N, C-alpha and C. Protein backbone atom coordinates (compact mmCIF):
# COMPACT_ATOMS: atom_id res chain seq x y z
N MET A 1 8.04 23.50 -19.93
CA MET A 1 9.26 22.72 -19.98
C MET A 1 9.82 22.56 -18.57
N ALA A 2 10.39 21.40 -18.28
CA ALA A 2 10.93 21.10 -16.96
C ALA A 2 12.20 21.91 -16.69
N SER A 3 12.39 22.27 -15.43
CA SER A 3 13.59 23.01 -15.04
C SER A 3 14.81 22.08 -15.10
N GLN A 4 15.98 22.68 -15.12
CA GLN A 4 17.21 21.90 -15.14
C GLN A 4 17.32 21.02 -13.90
N LYS A 5 16.85 21.55 -12.75
CA LYS A 5 16.89 20.78 -11.51
C LYS A 5 15.99 19.54 -11.62
N THR A 6 14.80 19.70 -12.20
CA THR A 6 13.88 18.59 -12.37
C THR A 6 14.47 17.54 -13.30
N VAL A 7 15.05 17.99 -14.40
CA VAL A 7 15.67 17.07 -15.35
C VAL A 7 16.81 16.31 -14.68
N SER A 8 17.61 17.01 -13.90
CA SER A 8 18.73 16.39 -13.20
C SER A 8 18.23 15.35 -12.19
N LEU A 9 17.19 15.68 -11.43
CA LEU A 9 16.62 14.74 -10.47
C LEU A 9 16.06 13.50 -11.17
N LEU A 10 15.37 13.70 -12.28
CA LEU A 10 14.81 12.59 -13.04
C LEU A 10 15.93 11.69 -13.57
N LEU A 11 16.96 12.31 -14.10
CA LEU A 11 18.10 11.55 -14.62
C LEU A 11 18.73 10.72 -13.51
N ASN A 12 18.96 11.33 -12.35
CA ASN A 12 19.54 10.60 -11.22
C ASN A 12 18.66 9.45 -10.78
N PHE A 13 17.35 9.70 -10.73
CA PHE A 13 16.40 8.64 -10.36
C PHE A 13 16.50 7.47 -11.34
N LEU A 14 16.47 7.75 -12.63
CA LEU A 14 16.50 6.69 -13.64
C LEU A 14 17.81 5.90 -13.58
N LEU A 15 18.92 6.59 -13.34
CA LEU A 15 20.20 5.91 -13.24
C LEU A 15 20.25 5.00 -12.01
N GLU A 16 19.78 5.49 -10.89
CA GLU A 16 19.75 4.68 -9.66
C GLU A 16 18.82 3.48 -9.82
N TYR A 17 17.67 3.71 -10.44
CA TYR A 17 16.71 2.62 -10.66
C TYR A 17 17.33 1.54 -11.56
N ALA A 18 17.98 1.97 -12.63
CA ALA A 18 18.61 1.03 -13.56
C ALA A 18 19.71 0.23 -12.86
N GLU A 19 20.47 0.89 -12.00
CA GLU A 19 21.53 0.19 -11.26
C GLU A 19 20.93 -0.86 -10.33
N GLY A 20 19.85 -0.53 -9.66
CA GLY A 20 19.17 -1.49 -8.80
C GLY A 20 18.65 -2.69 -9.58
N GLU A 21 18.08 -2.43 -10.73
CA GLU A 21 17.58 -3.51 -11.59
C GLU A 21 18.73 -4.41 -12.04
N LYS A 22 19.84 -3.80 -12.37
CA LYS A 22 21.01 -4.56 -12.80
C LYS A 22 21.51 -5.46 -11.67
N GLN A 23 21.55 -4.94 -10.46
CA GLN A 23 21.99 -5.74 -9.32
C GLN A 23 21.02 -6.89 -9.04
N GLN A 24 19.72 -6.63 -9.18
CA GLN A 24 18.73 -7.69 -8.98
C GLN A 24 18.91 -8.80 -10.02
N GLU A 25 19.18 -8.42 -11.25
CA GLU A 25 19.35 -9.42 -12.30
C GLU A 25 20.60 -10.27 -12.04
N VAL A 26 21.66 -9.67 -11.57
CA VAL A 26 22.87 -10.43 -11.23
C VAL A 26 22.54 -11.46 -10.14
N LEU A 27 21.79 -11.03 -9.12
CA LEU A 27 21.40 -11.96 -8.06
C LEU A 27 20.49 -13.07 -8.58
N ARG A 28 19.59 -12.72 -9.50
CA ARG A 28 18.73 -13.76 -10.10
C ARG A 28 19.57 -14.79 -10.84
N GLN A 29 20.56 -14.32 -11.59
CA GLN A 29 21.40 -15.25 -12.34
C GLN A 29 22.19 -16.15 -11.40
N ILE A 30 22.73 -15.59 -10.33
CA ILE A 30 23.46 -16.39 -9.34
C ILE A 30 22.53 -17.45 -8.75
N LEU A 31 21.31 -17.06 -8.41
CA LEU A 31 20.34 -18.00 -7.86
C LEU A 31 20.05 -19.12 -8.86
N CYS A 32 19.80 -18.75 -10.10
CA CYS A 32 19.45 -19.74 -11.12
C CYS A 32 20.62 -20.66 -11.48
N GLU A 33 21.83 -20.23 -11.21
CA GLU A 33 23.00 -21.06 -11.46
C GLU A 33 23.19 -22.14 -10.40
N GLN A 34 22.49 -22.02 -9.29
CA GLN A 34 22.62 -23.01 -8.22
C GLN A 34 22.02 -24.33 -8.67
N GLU A 35 22.82 -25.36 -8.60
CA GLU A 35 22.41 -26.68 -9.10
C GLU A 35 21.13 -27.19 -8.44
N LEU A 36 20.97 -26.92 -7.17
CA LEU A 36 19.81 -27.44 -6.45
C LEU A 36 18.62 -26.49 -6.41
N PHE A 37 18.70 -25.34 -7.08
CA PHE A 37 17.59 -24.40 -7.07
C PHE A 37 16.46 -24.92 -7.95
N GLU A 38 15.31 -25.07 -7.36
CA GLU A 38 14.10 -25.49 -8.07
C GLU A 38 13.01 -24.52 -7.66
N PRO A 39 12.59 -23.63 -8.56
CA PRO A 39 11.65 -22.58 -8.19
C PRO A 39 10.35 -23.07 -7.56
N TYR A 40 9.77 -24.15 -8.07
CA TYR A 40 8.50 -24.61 -7.52
C TYR A 40 8.67 -25.12 -6.09
N ALA A 41 9.77 -25.83 -5.82
CA ALA A 41 10.04 -26.30 -4.46
C ALA A 41 10.24 -25.12 -3.52
N ALA A 42 10.91 -24.07 -4.00
CA ALA A 42 11.11 -22.86 -3.18
C ALA A 42 9.76 -22.21 -2.88
N PHE A 43 8.92 -22.11 -3.89
CA PHE A 43 7.59 -21.52 -3.71
C PHE A 43 6.79 -22.32 -2.68
N GLN A 44 6.81 -23.63 -2.80
CA GLN A 44 6.06 -24.47 -1.86
C GLN A 44 6.60 -24.36 -0.44
N ARG A 45 7.91 -24.21 -0.32
CA ARG A 45 8.50 -24.08 1.02
C ARG A 45 8.00 -22.82 1.71
N ILE A 46 7.83 -21.76 0.95
CA ILE A 46 7.36 -20.49 1.53
C ILE A 46 5.85 -20.53 1.75
N ASP A 47 5.12 -21.21 0.87
CA ASP A 47 3.65 -21.28 0.94
C ASP A 47 3.21 -22.31 1.98
N ARG A 48 3.41 -21.99 3.23
CA ARG A 48 3.07 -22.90 4.33
C ARG A 48 1.57 -23.13 4.45
N MET A 49 0.77 -22.17 4.00
CA MET A 49 -0.69 -22.31 4.08
C MET A 49 -1.22 -23.22 2.96
N ARG A 50 -0.38 -23.50 1.97
CA ARG A 50 -0.75 -24.34 0.83
C ARG A 50 -1.98 -23.82 0.09
N ASN A 51 -2.04 -22.49 -0.06
CA ASN A 51 -3.16 -21.91 -0.80
C ASN A 51 -2.75 -21.43 -2.19
N GLY A 52 -1.53 -21.70 -2.60
CA GLY A 52 -1.08 -21.36 -3.94
C GLY A 52 -0.71 -19.90 -4.13
N ALA A 53 -0.54 -19.18 -3.04
CA ALA A 53 -0.15 -17.77 -3.12
C ALA A 53 0.67 -17.39 -1.89
N LEU A 54 1.60 -16.46 -2.10
CA LEU A 54 2.44 -15.98 -1.02
C LEU A 54 2.01 -14.58 -0.63
N ASP A 55 1.78 -14.38 0.66
CA ASP A 55 1.44 -13.04 1.13
C ASP A 55 2.62 -12.46 1.90
N ALA A 56 2.49 -11.23 2.35
CA ALA A 56 3.58 -10.54 3.03
C ALA A 56 3.98 -11.27 4.31
N HIS A 57 3.01 -11.79 5.03
CA HIS A 57 3.32 -12.49 6.28
C HIS A 57 4.18 -13.72 6.01
N GLN A 58 3.82 -14.51 5.01
CA GLN A 58 4.58 -15.71 4.69
C GLN A 58 6.00 -15.36 4.23
N LEU A 59 6.11 -14.36 3.37
CA LEU A 59 7.43 -13.97 2.89
C LEU A 59 8.29 -13.42 4.01
N ARG A 60 7.70 -12.61 4.86
CA ARG A 60 8.45 -12.02 5.98
C ARG A 60 8.91 -13.11 6.94
N LYS A 61 8.05 -14.07 7.22
CA LYS A 61 8.40 -15.18 8.11
C LYS A 61 9.53 -16.02 7.51
N PHE A 62 9.45 -16.32 6.22
CA PHE A 62 10.50 -17.08 5.56
C PHE A 62 11.84 -16.34 5.61
N LEU A 63 11.81 -15.07 5.28
CA LEU A 63 13.04 -14.27 5.31
C LEU A 63 13.62 -14.19 6.72
N ALA A 64 12.76 -13.97 7.71
CA ALA A 64 13.23 -13.88 9.09
C ALA A 64 13.84 -15.20 9.54
N SER A 65 13.25 -16.31 9.14
CA SER A 65 13.79 -17.62 9.54
C SER A 65 15.14 -17.89 8.88
N ASN A 66 15.47 -17.10 7.87
CA ASN A 66 16.75 -17.21 7.20
C ASN A 66 17.65 -16.01 7.47
N GLY A 67 17.35 -15.30 8.56
CA GLY A 67 18.23 -14.23 9.04
C GLY A 67 18.08 -12.89 8.38
N LYS A 68 17.02 -12.67 7.63
CA LYS A 68 16.80 -11.39 6.95
C LYS A 68 15.55 -10.72 7.51
N GLN A 69 15.72 -9.56 8.08
CA GLN A 69 14.61 -8.84 8.70
C GLN A 69 14.13 -7.70 7.80
N TYR A 70 12.86 -7.69 7.48
CA TYR A 70 12.24 -6.63 6.69
C TYR A 70 10.93 -6.25 7.35
N THR A 71 10.52 -5.01 7.13
CA THR A 71 9.24 -4.58 7.66
C THR A 71 8.13 -5.08 6.73
N HIS A 72 6.92 -5.05 7.26
CA HIS A 72 5.75 -5.42 6.46
C HIS A 72 5.67 -4.53 5.21
N ASN A 73 5.91 -3.24 5.37
CA ASN A 73 5.84 -2.31 4.23
C ASN A 73 6.90 -2.62 3.18
N GLU A 74 8.09 -2.99 3.60
CA GLU A 74 9.13 -3.35 2.64
C GLU A 74 8.73 -4.57 1.83
N ILE A 75 8.16 -5.55 2.51
CA ILE A 75 7.70 -6.76 1.82
C ILE A 75 6.56 -6.42 0.87
N MET A 76 5.63 -5.59 1.31
CA MET A 76 4.51 -5.21 0.45
C MET A 76 4.99 -4.45 -0.80
N ASP A 77 6.00 -3.62 -0.65
CA ASP A 77 6.57 -2.92 -1.81
C ASP A 77 7.10 -3.92 -2.83
N ALA A 78 7.78 -4.95 -2.35
CA ALA A 78 8.31 -5.98 -3.25
C ALA A 78 7.17 -6.75 -3.92
N ILE A 79 6.16 -7.10 -3.15
CA ILE A 79 5.02 -7.82 -3.72
C ILE A 79 4.35 -6.98 -4.79
N LYS A 80 4.10 -5.73 -4.52
CA LYS A 80 3.42 -4.86 -5.49
C LYS A 80 4.16 -4.78 -6.81
N GLN A 81 5.48 -4.88 -6.76
CA GLN A 81 6.27 -4.79 -7.99
C GLN A 81 6.02 -5.97 -8.92
N TYR A 82 5.67 -7.13 -8.37
CA TYR A 82 5.50 -8.34 -9.17
C TYR A 82 4.08 -8.88 -9.20
N ASP A 83 3.19 -8.28 -8.43
CA ASP A 83 1.80 -8.72 -8.31
C ASP A 83 0.99 -8.19 -9.49
N LEU A 84 0.77 -9.03 -10.48
CA LEU A 84 0.08 -8.60 -11.70
C LEU A 84 -1.42 -8.39 -11.52
N ASP A 85 -2.05 -9.17 -10.65
CA ASP A 85 -3.49 -9.07 -10.50
C ASP A 85 -3.93 -8.15 -9.35
N GLY A 86 -2.98 -7.58 -8.64
CA GLY A 86 -3.29 -6.59 -7.61
C GLY A 86 -3.94 -7.14 -6.35
N ASP A 87 -3.76 -8.43 -6.06
CA ASP A 87 -4.39 -9.02 -4.87
C ASP A 87 -3.48 -9.04 -3.64
N SER A 88 -2.34 -8.38 -3.75
CA SER A 88 -1.35 -8.29 -2.65
C SER A 88 -0.75 -9.63 -2.28
N GLN A 89 -0.74 -10.55 -3.22
CA GLN A 89 -0.13 -11.87 -3.05
C GLN A 89 0.61 -12.22 -4.33
N LEU A 90 1.53 -13.16 -4.23
CA LEU A 90 2.23 -13.66 -5.41
C LEU A 90 1.83 -15.10 -5.67
N ILE A 91 1.18 -15.33 -6.82
CA ILE A 91 0.95 -16.70 -7.25
C ILE A 91 2.25 -17.19 -7.89
N TYR A 92 2.30 -18.44 -8.25
CA TYR A 92 3.56 -19.02 -8.72
C TYR A 92 4.13 -18.27 -9.93
N SER A 93 3.30 -17.94 -10.90
CA SER A 93 3.81 -17.25 -12.10
C SER A 93 4.38 -15.88 -11.74
N GLU A 94 3.80 -15.20 -10.77
CA GLU A 94 4.33 -13.91 -10.32
C GLU A 94 5.63 -14.10 -9.55
N PHE A 95 5.69 -15.17 -8.75
CA PHE A 95 6.91 -15.51 -8.02
C PHE A 95 8.05 -15.77 -9.00
N LEU A 96 7.76 -16.43 -10.11
CA LEU A 96 8.78 -16.69 -11.12
C LEU A 96 9.35 -15.38 -11.67
N ARG A 97 8.51 -14.39 -11.87
CA ARG A 97 8.98 -13.08 -12.34
C ARG A 97 9.96 -12.47 -11.34
N LEU A 98 9.74 -12.75 -10.06
CA LEU A 98 10.60 -12.23 -9.01
C LEU A 98 11.97 -12.91 -9.00
N VAL A 99 12.01 -14.24 -9.15
CA VAL A 99 13.26 -14.97 -8.92
C VAL A 99 13.99 -15.42 -10.17
N MET A 100 13.34 -15.47 -11.31
CA MET A 100 13.98 -16.00 -12.52
C MET A 100 14.72 -14.91 -13.30
N THR A 101 15.86 -15.30 -13.85
CA THR A 101 16.64 -14.38 -14.68
C THR A 101 15.85 -13.98 -15.92
N VAL A 102 16.03 -12.74 -16.32
CA VAL A 102 15.37 -12.22 -17.52
C VAL A 102 16.35 -12.20 -18.68
N GLU A 103 17.59 -11.86 -18.39
CA GLU A 103 18.58 -11.61 -19.43
C GLU A 103 19.28 -12.86 -19.94
N ASN A 104 19.10 -14.00 -19.29
CA ASN A 104 19.78 -15.21 -19.70
C ASN A 104 18.75 -16.31 -19.97
N PRO A 105 18.22 -16.34 -21.21
CA PRO A 105 17.17 -17.32 -21.51
C PRO A 105 17.63 -18.77 -21.42
N VAL A 106 18.91 -19.05 -21.68
CA VAL A 106 19.42 -20.41 -21.57
C VAL A 106 19.37 -20.86 -20.12
N LEU A 107 19.87 -20.03 -19.22
CA LEU A 107 19.84 -20.34 -17.80
C LEU A 107 18.40 -20.45 -17.31
N ARG A 108 17.54 -19.56 -17.79
CA ARG A 108 16.13 -19.60 -17.41
C ARG A 108 15.49 -20.92 -17.82
N SER A 109 15.78 -21.39 -19.02
CA SER A 109 15.17 -22.63 -19.49
C SER A 109 15.69 -23.84 -18.73
N ILE A 110 16.94 -23.80 -18.28
CA ILE A 110 17.51 -24.91 -17.52
C ILE A 110 16.79 -25.04 -16.17
N VAL A 111 16.53 -23.90 -15.53
CA VAL A 111 15.94 -23.89 -14.20
C VAL A 111 14.45 -24.21 -14.25
N SER A 112 13.74 -23.73 -15.27
CA SER A 112 12.29 -23.90 -15.30
C SER A 112 11.83 -25.16 -15.95
């Protein structure tokens, strides 16, 4: 059986993780509420190589050009979270999982 300290650490981890997920969903909803947001156009803007997939370099360059600095490892961590096929890139369907709201199907259907 796990010690009280282990249980406490696990509980804190799960609460922090849930809070982060909640904040991400709020940001997704705000993004999807933007009248001019079109996910495919956003994907194409980032996909400068026109190969149908976004890699860490492309994402990092896009973010940097918009004033957000992240390390390669930070970008790779984000990619891994949504990369279903494990190729270290995001195809369009994986990109949609990253940017589209999950909790608001009406808003999701309007945007997609």
